[in-house]
Amino acid sequence: MANLDAPSGLTPVGHLLGLNWIARGKVYYIAASDGVAYAAGDPVTLNGTGSALGVPGVVLASAGTGNVITGVFMGAGTVEGGPYLDPSNLNTTVIASTHTSGYYAYVIDDPYVIFQAQESDDSTALAATDIGNNANWILGTNNGYVSGGEIAETGVTTTATLQLKLLGLARIPNNVFGHYAKWLVLINNHSYKAGVAGL
């Protein structure tokens, strides 16, 4: 049976250190001038500035080797401290690219959070021998609720500056090696820890 093609970006599912994972994150700032859409599951990175209140700023993380990820966007609102909802449209979890105000974003930035993510179909499908290696991210268009990003099949190797570390397949029903497989991953090239070479 083929894997279902249903990307949802990076979805937090656990913690590498065995801690009880309780969706803990931090607040970051997305400037009104940003002009990019954000959906739950999109990776973000520090942009070297912040809000007038001193909240650190982030932008959508670029895909590819050497591009650092700070964490994963989960939602945003216009008031620091929440709620993390767009007051102009409560029917979506997405911040549109045409936003005219700054947003306070809730970001999962713990470098040891384990995420589930879908493999793409841009090259040869990944296999058991890829477990422990590193991979890059492919940006994708959101579906109005969650990210369309996926794990790139191209260029999986040991290089420490690749963005994700492959931990193995997610242990969920109807998930097998092949295109669109759901993997467990860590952010490898993370703002708050050094990248680690693959096996």
N, C-alpha and C. Protein backbone atom coordinates (compact mmCIF):
# COMPACT_ATOMS: atom_id res chain seq x y z
N MET A 1 0.85 -1.19 0.00
CA MET A 1 0.00 0.00 0.00
C MET A 1 0.88 1.24 0.00
N ALA A 2 0.61 2.18 -0.88
CA ALA A 2 1.41 3.40 -0.98
C ALA A 2 1.12 4.33 0.19
N ASN A 3 2.14 5.09 0.58
CA ASN A 3 1.96 6.08 1.65
C ASN A 3 1.08 7.22 1.16
N LEU A 4 0.28 7.75 2.05
CA LEU A 4 -0.60 8.87 1.73
C LEU A 4 0.21 10.16 1.61
N ASP A 5 -0.01 10.91 0.56
CA ASP A 5 0.66 12.19 0.36
C ASP A 5 -0.14 13.27 1.09
N ALA A 6 0.26 13.54 2.35
CA ALA A 6 -0.44 14.52 3.18
C ALA A 6 0.56 15.26 4.05
N PRO A 7 1.32 16.18 3.47
CA PRO A 7 2.33 16.89 4.26
C PRO A 7 1.69 17.80 5.31
N SER A 8 2.37 17.95 6.44
CA SER A 8 1.90 18.87 7.48
C SER A 8 3.07 19.58 8.15
N GLY A 9 4.17 19.69 7.42
CA GLY A 9 5.34 20.37 7.98
C GLY A 9 5.98 19.56 9.08
N LEU A 10 6.54 20.26 10.05
CA LEU A 10 7.19 19.63 11.20
C LEU A 10 6.21 19.62 12.36
N THR A 11 5.76 18.45 12.76
CA THR A 11 4.76 18.29 13.82
C THR A 11 5.44 17.75 15.07
N PRO A 12 5.44 18.48 16.19
CA PRO A 12 6.11 17.99 17.39
C PRO A 12 5.39 16.77 17.97
N VAL A 13 6.18 15.72 18.29
CA VAL A 13 5.57 14.49 18.79
C VAL A 13 6.25 13.93 20.03
N GLY A 14 7.42 14.45 20.41
CA GLY A 14 8.11 13.88 21.57
C GLY A 14 9.37 14.65 21.89
N HIS A 15 10.16 14.07 22.80
CA HIS A 15 11.38 14.73 23.25
C HIS A 15 12.51 13.71 23.33
N LEU A 16 13.67 14.08 22.80
CA LEU A 16 14.81 13.16 22.74
C LEU A 16 15.28 12.73 24.12
N LEU A 17 15.14 13.60 25.13
CA LEU A 17 15.64 13.31 26.47
C LEU A 17 14.63 12.53 27.32
N GLY A 18 13.52 12.11 26.72
CA GLY A 18 12.53 11.32 27.43
C GLY A 18 11.64 12.13 28.34
N LEU A 19 11.67 13.45 28.23
CA LEU A 19 10.82 14.30 29.06
C LEU A 19 9.38 14.22 28.59
N ASN A 20 8.45 14.47 29.49
CA ASN A 20 7.06 14.58 29.08
C ASN A 20 6.91 15.83 28.22
N TRP A 21 6.47 15.64 26.99
CA TRP A 21 6.38 16.77 26.07
C TRP A 21 5.04 17.46 26.25
N ILE A 22 5.07 18.72 26.64
CA ILE A 22 3.82 19.44 26.95
C ILE A 22 3.65 20.70 26.10
N ALA A 23 4.15 20.64 24.88
CA ALA A 23 3.94 21.72 23.91
C ALA A 23 4.51 23.05 24.37
N ARG A 24 5.61 22.99 25.09
CA ARG A 24 6.20 24.22 25.58
C ARG A 24 7.05 24.88 24.49
N GLY A 25 6.86 26.19 24.32
CA GLY A 25 7.63 26.94 23.35
C GLY A 25 7.90 28.34 23.86
N LYS A 26 8.33 29.23 22.97
CA LYS A 26 8.61 30.61 23.34
C LYS A 26 7.96 31.55 22.33
N VAL A 27 7.88 32.83 22.73
CA VAL A 27 7.28 33.84 21.87
C VAL A 27 8.36 34.55 21.06
N TYR A 28 8.11 34.69 19.78
CA TYR A 28 8.98 35.42 18.85
C TYR A 28 8.11 36.41 18.09
N TYR A 29 8.76 37.27 17.31
CA TYR A 29 8.05 38.35 16.63
C TYR A 29 8.23 38.26 15.12
N ILE A 30 7.13 38.43 14.40
CA ILE A 30 7.15 38.50 12.93
C ILE A 30 6.73 39.92 12.55
N ALA A 31 7.59 40.62 11.86
CA ALA A 31 7.34 42.03 11.53
C ALA A 31 6.21 42.18 10.51
N ALA A 32 5.53 43.32 10.59
CA ALA A 32 4.44 43.62 9.65
C ALA A 32 4.95 43.66 8.22
N SER A 33 6.21 44.06 8.04
CA SER A 33 6.79 44.19 6.69
C SER A 33 7.28 42.87 6.12
N ASP A 34 7.09 41.78 6.83
CA ASP A 34 7.65 40.48 6.45
C ASP A 34 7.17 40.01 5.08
N GLY A 35 5.86 40.05 4.84
CA GLY A 35 5.32 39.71 3.52
C GLY A 35 5.38 38.24 3.14
N VAL A 36 5.44 37.33 4.12
CA VAL A 36 5.51 35.89 3.86
C VAL A 36 4.39 35.20 4.64
N ALA A 37 3.79 34.17 4.05
CA ALA A 37 2.76 33.39 4.74
C ALA A 37 3.41 32.40 5.70
N TYR A 38 2.76 32.15 6.84
CA TYR A 38 3.23 31.19 7.84
C TYR A 38 2.08 30.26 8.19
N ALA A 39 2.39 28.97 8.34
CA ALA A 39 1.40 27.99 8.78
C ALA A 39 2.03 27.09 9.83
N ALA A 40 1.20 26.48 10.67
CA ALA A 40 1.71 25.56 11.68
C ALA A 40 2.57 24.49 11.02
N GLY A 41 3.77 24.30 11.58
CA GLY A 41 4.70 23.33 11.02
C GLY A 41 5.81 23.92 10.19
N ASP A 42 5.75 25.23 9.92
CA ASP A 42 6.81 25.89 9.14
C ASP A 42 8.04 26.16 10.01
N PRO A 43 9.25 25.86 9.54
CA PRO A 43 10.45 26.21 10.29
C PRO A 43 10.76 27.70 10.17
N VAL A 44 11.22 28.30 11.26
CA VAL A 44 11.59 29.71 11.27
C VAL A 44 13.01 29.86 11.81
N THR A 45 13.60 31.04 11.55
CA THR A 45 14.95 31.30 12.02
C THR A 45 15.07 32.75 12.49
N LEU A 46 15.99 32.99 13.41
CA LEU A 46 16.21 34.35 13.92
C LEU A 46 16.61 35.28 12.78
N ASN A 47 16.15 36.55 12.86
CA ASN A 47 16.49 37.50 11.80
C ASN A 47 17.38 38.64 12.28
N GLY A 48 17.88 38.56 13.51
CA GLY A 48 18.84 39.55 13.98
C GLY A 48 18.24 40.85 14.46
N THR A 49 16.93 40.86 14.69
CA THR A 49 16.26 42.04 15.22
C THR A 49 15.10 41.59 16.10
N GLY A 50 14.19 42.49 16.44
CA GLY A 50 13.08 42.12 17.29
C GLY A 50 12.02 43.20 17.34
N SER A 51 11.05 43.00 18.21
CA SER A 51 9.97 43.96 18.36
C SER A 51 10.43 45.13 19.22
N ALA A 52 9.59 46.16 19.30
CA ALA A 52 9.89 47.32 20.15
C ALA A 52 9.93 46.92 21.62
N LEU A 53 9.34 45.78 21.96
CA LEU A 53 9.35 45.28 23.34
C LEU A 53 10.55 44.37 23.61
N GLY A 54 11.38 44.17 22.60
CA GLY A 54 12.56 43.33 22.77
C GLY A 54 12.34 41.85 22.53
N VAL A 55 11.20 41.48 21.93
CA VAL A 55 10.95 40.08 21.59
C VAL A 55 11.75 39.75 20.33
N PRO A 56 12.54 38.66 20.34
CA PRO A 56 13.38 38.35 19.18
C PRO A 56 12.55 38.07 17.93
N GLY A 57 13.04 38.57 16.81
CA GLY A 57 12.34 38.41 15.54
C GLY A 57 12.73 37.16 14.81
N VAL A 58 11.79 36.60 14.05
CA VAL A 58 12.05 35.45 13.20
C VAL A 58 11.47 35.69 11.81
N VAL A 59 12.00 34.93 10.86
CA VAL A 59 11.49 34.87 9.50
C VAL A 59 11.40 33.41 9.10
N LEU A 60 10.71 33.12 8.03
CA LEU A 60 10.64 31.75 7.52
C LEU A 60 12.04 31.28 7.20
N ALA A 61 12.40 30.09 7.67
CA ALA A 61 13.74 29.54 7.42
C ALA A 61 13.88 29.12 5.97
N SER A 62 14.99 29.48 5.37
CA SER A 62 15.27 29.05 4.00
C SER A 62 15.62 27.57 3.99
N ALA A 63 15.24 26.89 2.91
CA ALA A 63 15.56 25.48 2.77
C ALA A 63 16.99 25.33 2.26
N GLY A 64 17.66 24.27 2.68
CA GLY A 64 18.97 23.96 2.10
C GLY A 64 20.11 23.92 3.10
N THR A 65 21.18 23.29 2.69
CA THR A 65 22.36 23.10 3.52
C THR A 65 22.89 24.42 4.03
N GLY A 66 23.20 24.47 5.32
CA GLY A 66 23.77 25.66 5.93
C GLY A 66 22.76 26.65 6.44
N ASN A 67 21.50 26.47 6.13
CA ASN A 67 20.45 27.38 6.61
C ASN A 67 19.94 26.90 7.97
N VAL A 68 20.17 27.73 8.98
CA VAL A 68 19.86 27.38 10.36
C VAL A 68 18.37 27.50 10.64
N ILE A 69 17.86 26.62 11.49
CA ILE A 69 16.47 26.66 11.95
C ILE A 69 16.47 26.93 13.44
N THR A 70 15.65 27.88 13.89
CA THR A 70 15.52 28.19 15.31
C THR A 70 14.40 27.38 15.96
N GLY A 71 13.37 27.10 15.21
CA GLY A 71 12.24 26.36 15.75
C GLY A 71 11.13 26.25 14.74
N VAL A 72 9.97 25.83 15.21
CA VAL A 72 8.84 25.57 14.33
C VAL A 72 7.65 26.42 14.76
N PHE A 73 7.10 27.16 13.81
CA PHE A 73 5.94 28.03 14.01
C PHE A 73 4.71 27.18 14.31
N MET A 74 3.97 27.56 15.36
CA MET A 74 2.75 26.84 15.73
C MET A 74 1.49 27.71 15.64
N GLY A 75 1.66 29.02 15.68
CA GLY A 75 0.53 29.93 15.62
C GLY A 75 0.98 31.31 16.02
N ALA A 76 0.12 32.33 15.80
CA ALA A 76 0.50 33.70 16.12
C ALA A 76 -0.73 34.57 16.33
N GLY A 77 -0.55 35.62 17.09
CA GLY A 77 -1.58 36.61 17.31
C GLY A 77 -0.95 37.99 17.39
N THR A 78 -1.76 39.01 17.52
CA THR A 78 -1.24 40.38 17.50
C THR A 78 -0.92 40.92 18.89
N VAL A 79 -1.15 40.12 19.94
CA VAL A 79 -0.90 40.56 21.31
C VAL A 79 0.15 39.65 21.94
N GLU A 80 1.18 40.24 22.54
CA GLU A 80 2.20 39.43 23.20
C GLU A 80 1.55 38.63 24.33
N GLY A 81 1.84 37.34 24.39
CA GLY A 81 1.27 36.49 25.41
C GLY A 81 0.00 35.76 24.99
N GLY A 82 -0.43 36.01 23.75
CA GLY A 82 -1.57 35.29 23.21
C GLY A 82 -2.88 36.04 23.35
N PRO A 83 -3.97 35.50 22.80
CA PRO A 83 -4.04 34.19 22.16
C PRO A 83 -3.32 34.18 20.82
N TYR A 84 -2.87 32.99 20.42
CA TYR A 84 -2.11 32.86 19.18
C TYR A 84 -3.05 32.54 18.02
N LEU A 85 -3.89 33.52 17.73
CA LEU A 85 -4.89 33.45 16.68
C LEU A 85 -4.89 34.76 15.92
N ASP A 86 -5.21 34.70 14.64
CA ASP A 86 -5.30 35.91 13.82
C ASP A 86 -6.67 36.54 14.05
N PRO A 87 -6.75 37.71 14.70
CA PRO A 87 -8.05 38.30 14.98
C PRO A 87 -8.82 38.70 13.74
N SER A 88 -8.13 38.83 12.62
CA SER A 88 -8.83 39.20 11.38
C SER A 88 -9.46 38.00 10.69
N ASN A 89 -9.09 36.77 11.11
CA ASN A 89 -9.66 35.56 10.51
C ASN A 89 -9.48 34.39 11.47
N LEU A 90 -10.49 34.13 12.29
CA LEU A 90 -10.42 33.06 13.28
C LEU A 90 -10.63 31.68 12.67
N ASN A 91 -10.89 31.61 11.38
CA ASN A 91 -11.13 30.33 10.72
C ASN A 91 -9.86 29.69 10.17
N THR A 92 -8.72 30.30 10.39
CA THR A 92 -7.50 29.73 9.85
C THR A 92 -6.37 29.86 10.86
N THR A 93 -5.40 28.96 10.75
CA THR A 93 -4.20 29.03 11.59
C THR A 93 -3.04 29.64 10.82
N VAL A 94 -3.30 30.11 9.63
CA VAL A 94 -2.26 30.65 8.76
C VAL A 94 -2.20 32.16 8.87
N ILE A 95 -0.98 32.70 8.89
CA ILE A 95 -0.78 34.14 8.73
C ILE A 95 -0.58 34.39 7.24
N ALA A 96 -1.42 35.19 6.63
CA ALA A 96 -1.32 35.45 5.20
C ALA A 96 -0.09 36.29 4.87
N SER A 97 0.37 36.17 3.65
CA SER A 97 1.56 36.93 3.23
C SER A 97 1.29 38.43 3.16
N THR A 98 0.03 38.81 3.19
CA THR A 98 -0.34 40.23 3.10
C THR A 98 -0.59 40.85 4.46
N HIS A 99 -0.07 40.27 5.54
CA HIS A 99 -0.37 40.82 6.87
C HIS A 99 0.15 42.26 6.99
N THR A 100 -0.63 43.08 7.67
CA THR A 100 -0.31 44.50 7.78
C THR A 100 0.07 44.90 9.20
N SER A 101 0.09 43.95 10.11
CA SER A 101 0.52 44.22 11.48
C SER A 101 1.55 43.18 11.89
N GLY A 102 2.32 43.51 12.93
CA GLY A 102 3.26 42.54 13.46
C GLY A 102 2.53 41.44 14.21
N TYR A 103 3.14 40.28 14.30
CA TYR A 103 2.55 39.15 15.00
C TYR A 103 3.52 38.61 16.04
N TYR A 104 2.97 38.16 17.16
CA TYR A 104 3.73 37.44 18.16
C TYR A 104 3.49 35.96 17.93
N ALA A 105 4.54 35.25 17.56
CA ALA A 105 4.43 33.86 17.14
C ALA A 105 4.86 32.92 18.26
N TYR A 106 4.11 31.84 18.40
CA TYR A 106 4.47 30.78 19.34
C TYR A 106 5.32 29.76 18.58
N VAL A 107 6.56 29.57 19.04
CA VAL A 107 7.53 28.75 18.32
C VAL A 107 8.08 27.66 19.23
N ILE A 108 8.09 26.43 18.75
CA ILE A 108 8.73 25.32 19.46
C ILE A 108 10.21 25.38 19.13
N ASP A 109 11.02 25.87 20.08
CA ASP A 109 12.44 26.13 19.80
C ASP A 109 13.40 25.26 20.60
N ASP A 110 12.91 24.26 21.31
CA ASP A 110 13.77 23.33 22.04
C ASP A 110 14.50 22.45 21.03
N PRO A 111 15.84 22.45 21.02
CA PRO A 111 16.57 21.68 20.01
C PRO A 111 16.44 20.17 20.15
N TYR A 112 15.82 19.70 21.23
CA TYR A 112 15.70 18.26 21.45
C TYR A 112 14.27 17.74 21.28
N VAL A 113 13.40 18.57 20.73
CA VAL A 113 12.05 18.10 20.40
C VAL A 113 12.11 17.25 19.14
N ILE A 114 11.41 16.12 19.17
CA ILE A 114 11.31 15.23 18.02
C ILE A 114 10.06 15.63 17.23
N PHE A 115 10.22 15.75 15.92
CA PHE A 115 9.13 16.11 15.03
C PHE A 115 8.82 14.96 14.07
N GLN A 116 7.58 14.90 13.64
CA GLN A 116 7.20 14.02 12.54
C GLN A 116 7.09 14.86 11.29
N ALA A 117 7.62 14.35 10.17
CA ALA A 117 7.55 15.08 8.91
C ALA A 117 7.48 14.08 7.76
N GLN A 118 6.87 14.53 6.68
CA GLN A 118 6.70 13.67 5.51
C GLN A 118 7.88 13.80 4.55
N GLU A 119 8.30 12.66 4.03
CA GLU A 119 9.30 12.60 2.97
C GLU A 119 8.68 13.07 1.67
N SER A 120 9.47 13.71 0.83
CA SER A 120 8.98 14.20 -0.47
C SER A 120 9.01 13.07 -1.50
N ASP A 121 8.92 13.44 -2.75
CA ASP A 121 9.11 12.50 -3.85
C ASP A 121 9.99 13.14 -4.93
N ASP A 122 11.04 13.86 -4.48
CA ASP A 122 11.88 14.60 -5.41
C ASP A 122 13.08 13.80 -5.92
N SER A 123 13.25 12.56 -5.45
CA SER A 123 14.39 11.75 -5.86
C SER A 123 14.10 10.30 -5.50
N THR A 124 15.14 9.51 -5.30
CA THR A 124 14.96 8.13 -4.87
C THR A 124 14.45 8.10 -3.44
N ALA A 125 13.49 7.23 -3.17
CA ALA A 125 12.91 7.15 -1.83
C ALA A 125 13.97 6.77 -0.81
N LEU A 126 13.81 7.30 0.40
CA LEU A 126 14.73 6.99 1.49
C LEU A 126 14.53 5.55 1.96
N ALA A 127 15.57 5.01 2.61
CA ALA A 127 15.56 3.61 3.03
C ALA A 127 16.08 3.50 4.45
N ALA A 128 16.08 2.28 4.99
CA ALA A 128 16.56 2.05 6.35
C ALA A 128 18.00 2.50 6.52
N THR A 129 18.79 2.43 5.46
CA THR A 129 20.19 2.84 5.53
C THR A 129 20.36 4.34 5.67
N ASP A 130 19.28 5.11 5.52
CA ASP A 130 19.36 6.56 5.70
C ASP A 130 19.13 6.98 7.15
N ILE A 131 18.69 6.07 8.01
CA ILE A 131 18.49 6.40 9.42
C ILE A 131 19.82 6.82 10.03
N GLY A 132 19.81 7.96 10.72
CA GLY A 132 21.03 8.51 11.31
C GLY A 132 21.73 9.53 10.44
N ASN A 133 21.36 9.59 9.16
CA ASN A 133 21.91 10.60 8.28
C ASN A 133 21.13 11.90 8.39
N ASN A 134 21.59 12.90 7.67
CA ASN A 134 20.98 14.23 7.70
C ASN A 134 20.32 14.56 6.36
N ALA A 135 19.31 15.40 6.43
CA ALA A 135 18.55 15.78 5.23
C ALA A 135 18.20 17.25 5.30
N ASN A 136 17.84 17.80 4.17
CA ASN A 136 17.38 19.18 4.12
C ASN A 136 15.86 19.23 4.03
N TRP A 137 15.35 20.44 4.10
CA TRP A 137 13.92 20.74 4.11
C TRP A 137 13.52 21.31 2.76
N ILE A 138 12.32 21.00 2.33
CA ILE A 138 11.73 21.61 1.13
C ILE A 138 10.54 22.44 1.58
N LEU A 139 10.54 23.71 1.25
CA LEU A 139 9.40 24.57 1.57
C LEU A 139 8.22 24.19 0.68
N GLY A 140 7.02 24.24 1.23
CA GLY A 140 5.83 23.91 0.46
C GLY A 140 4.71 24.88 0.76
N THR A 141 3.71 24.92 -0.08
CA THR A 141 2.56 25.79 0.10
C THR A 141 1.60 25.18 1.11
N ASN A 142 1.19 25.99 2.08
CA ASN A 142 0.26 25.47 3.10
C ASN A 142 -1.12 25.21 2.49
N ASN A 143 -1.91 24.40 3.21
CA ASN A 143 -3.26 24.07 2.73
C ASN A 143 -4.34 24.91 3.38
N GLY A 144 -3.95 26.01 3.99
CA GLY A 144 -4.89 26.87 4.70
C GLY A 144 -4.89 26.62 6.19
N TYR A 145 -4.19 25.56 6.62
CA TYR A 145 -4.14 25.22 8.03
C TYR A 145 -2.73 24.84 8.48
N VAL A 146 -2.08 23.95 7.72
CA VAL A 146 -0.75 23.48 8.10
C VAL A 146 0.23 23.61 6.95
N SER A 147 1.50 23.56 7.30
CA SER A 147 2.59 23.68 6.34
C SER A 147 2.53 22.59 5.27
N GLY A 148 3.02 22.94 4.10
CA GLY A 148 3.18 21.96 3.03
C GLY A 148 4.61 21.50 2.87
N GLY A 149 5.48 21.84 3.83
CA GLY A 149 6.89 21.48 3.74
C GLY A 149 7.14 19.99 3.94
N GLU A 150 8.26 19.51 3.36
CA GLU A 150 8.60 18.09 3.42
C GLU A 150 10.11 17.90 3.57
N ILE A 151 10.50 16.68 3.88
CA ILE A 151 11.91 16.28 3.92
C ILE A 151 12.38 16.04 2.50
N ALA A 152 13.49 16.66 2.12
CA ALA A 152 14.05 16.44 0.79
C ALA A 152 14.70 15.06 0.71
N GLU A 153 14.39 14.31 -0.34
CA GLU A 153 15.07 13.03 -0.58
C GLU A 153 16.45 13.26 -1.20
N THR A 154 16.58 14.34 -1.94
CA THR A 154 17.84 14.66 -2.60
C THR A 154 18.89 15.08 -1.58
N GLY A 155 20.09 14.55 -1.70
CA GLY A 155 21.23 15.03 -0.93
C GLY A 155 21.32 14.54 0.50
N VAL A 156 20.62 13.46 0.85
CA VAL A 156 20.74 12.92 2.21
C VAL A 156 22.15 12.35 2.38
N THR A 157 22.84 12.83 3.44
CA THR A 157 24.23 12.45 3.63
C THR A 157 24.64 12.71 5.08
N THR A 158 25.95 12.68 5.35
CA THR A 158 26.46 12.84 6.72
C THR A 158 26.76 14.29 7.08
N THR A 159 26.69 15.22 6.15
CA THR A 159 27.11 16.60 6.36
C THR A 159 26.41 17.24 7.56
N ALA A 160 27.19 17.83 8.46
CA ALA A 160 26.65 18.35 9.72
C ALA A 160 25.79 19.59 9.54
N THR A 161 25.90 20.29 8.42
CA THR A 161 25.14 21.52 8.22
C THR A 161 23.80 21.31 7.52
N LEU A 162 23.44 20.04 7.25
CA LEU A 162 22.09 19.78 6.75
C LEU A 162 21.09 20.04 7.87
N GLN A 163 19.86 20.29 7.52
CA GLN A 163 18.90 20.86 8.46
C GLN A 163 18.24 19.87 9.43
N LEU A 164 18.07 18.64 9.02
CA LEU A 164 17.34 17.66 9.83
C LEU A 164 18.15 16.39 10.02
N LYS A 165 17.95 15.72 11.15
CA LYS A 165 18.52 14.40 11.38
C LYS A 165 17.40 13.37 11.35
N LEU A 166 17.58 12.33 10.54
CA LEU A 166 16.58 11.28 10.38
C LEU A 166 16.72 10.25 11.50
N LEU A 167 15.66 10.10 12.31
CA LEU A 167 15.70 9.18 13.44
C LEU A 167 15.06 7.83 13.14
N GLY A 168 14.30 7.73 12.08
CA GLY A 168 13.60 6.50 11.72
C GLY A 168 12.17 6.80 11.32
N LEU A 169 11.48 5.77 10.83
CA LEU A 169 10.09 5.96 10.44
C LEU A 169 9.20 6.17 11.66
N ALA A 170 8.19 7.00 11.51
CA ALA A 170 7.18 7.14 12.55
C ALA A 170 6.42 5.82 12.66
N ARG A 171 6.21 5.36 13.90
CA ARG A 171 5.53 4.08 14.12
C ARG A 171 4.03 4.31 14.15
N ILE A 172 3.48 4.50 12.96
CA ILE A 172 2.05 4.75 12.81
C ILE A 172 1.52 3.79 11.74
N PRO A 173 0.21 3.50 11.74
CA PRO A 173 -0.35 2.56 10.76
C PRO A 173 -0.12 3.02 9.33
N ASN A 174 0.06 2.04 8.44
CA ASN A 174 0.16 2.28 7.00
C ASN A 174 1.28 3.24 6.64
N ASN A 175 2.42 3.10 7.32
CA ASN A 175 3.58 3.94 7.04
C ASN A 175 4.77 3.04 6.78
N VAL A 176 5.25 3.05 5.52
CA VAL A 176 6.34 2.17 5.13
C VAL A 176 7.38 2.98 4.37
N PHE A 177 8.58 2.42 4.20
CA PHE A 177 9.61 3.10 3.41
C PHE A 177 9.08 3.37 2.01
N GLY A 178 9.35 4.55 1.51
CA GLY A 178 8.92 4.94 0.19
C GLY A 178 8.56 6.42 0.16
N HIS A 179 8.26 6.94 -1.02
CA HIS A 179 7.83 8.32 -1.14
C HIS A 179 6.67 8.60 -0.17
N TYR A 180 6.68 9.78 0.42
CA TYR A 180 5.66 10.27 1.35
C TYR A 180 5.65 9.56 2.71
N ALA A 181 6.68 8.77 3.00
CA ALA A 181 6.77 8.15 4.32
C ALA A 181 6.87 9.23 5.39
N LYS A 182 6.31 8.96 6.55
CA LYS A 182 6.40 9.89 7.69
C LYS A 182 7.59 9.47 8.55
N TRP A 183 8.50 10.42 8.78
CA TRP A 183 9.72 10.18 9.54
C TRP A 183 9.71 10.93 10.86
N LEU A 184 10.47 10.41 11.81
CA LEU A 184 10.79 11.16 13.02
C LEU A 184 12.13 11.84 12.79
N VAL A 185 12.20 13.14 13.12
CA VAL A 185 13.41 13.92 12.86
C VAL A 185 13.70 14.87 14.02
N LEU A 186 14.95 15.24 14.13
CA LEU A 186 15.37 16.36 14.97
C LEU A 186 15.80 17.49 14.05
N ILE A 187 15.66 18.74 14.52
CA ILE A 187 16.31 19.84 13.81
C ILE A 187 17.80 19.70 14.10
N ASN A 188 18.59 19.48 13.07
CA ASN A 188 20.01 19.24 13.25
C ASN A 188 20.81 20.54 13.24
N ASN A 189 20.58 21.40 12.26
CA ASN A 189 21.29 22.67 12.16
C ASN A 189 20.44 23.72 12.88
N HIS A 190 20.59 23.77 14.20
CA HIS A 190 19.69 24.53 15.08
C HIS A 190 20.42 25.74 15.65
N SER A 191 19.69 26.84 15.82
CA SER A 191 20.29 28.06 16.38
C SER A 191 20.90 27.85 17.75
N TYR A 192 20.36 26.90 18.52
CA TYR A 192 20.77 26.76 19.92
C TYR A 192 21.61 25.51 20.18
N LYS A 193 22.09 24.87 19.13
CA LYS A 193 23.07 23.79 19.28
C LYS A 193 23.80 23.61 17.96
N ALA A 194 24.98 23.04 18.01
CA ALA A 194 25.76 22.81 16.80
C ALA A 194 25.19 21.64 16.02
N GLY A 195 25.31 21.68 14.70
CA GLY A 195 24.91 20.56 13.87
C GLY A 195 25.79 19.35 14.14
N VAL A 196 25.23 18.17 13.95
CA VAL A 196 25.94 16.91 14.19
C VAL A 196 26.02 16.13 12.90
N ALA A 197 27.19 15.62 12.56
CA ALA A 197 27.35 14.85 11.34
C ALA A 197 26.53 13.57 11.41
N GLY A 198 26.05 13.11 10.26
CA GLY A 198 25.31 11.86 10.19
C GLY A 198 26.23 10.66 10.28
N LEU A 199 25.62 9.49 10.30
CA LEU A 199 26.39 8.24 10.43
C LEU A 199 27.05 7.85 9.12
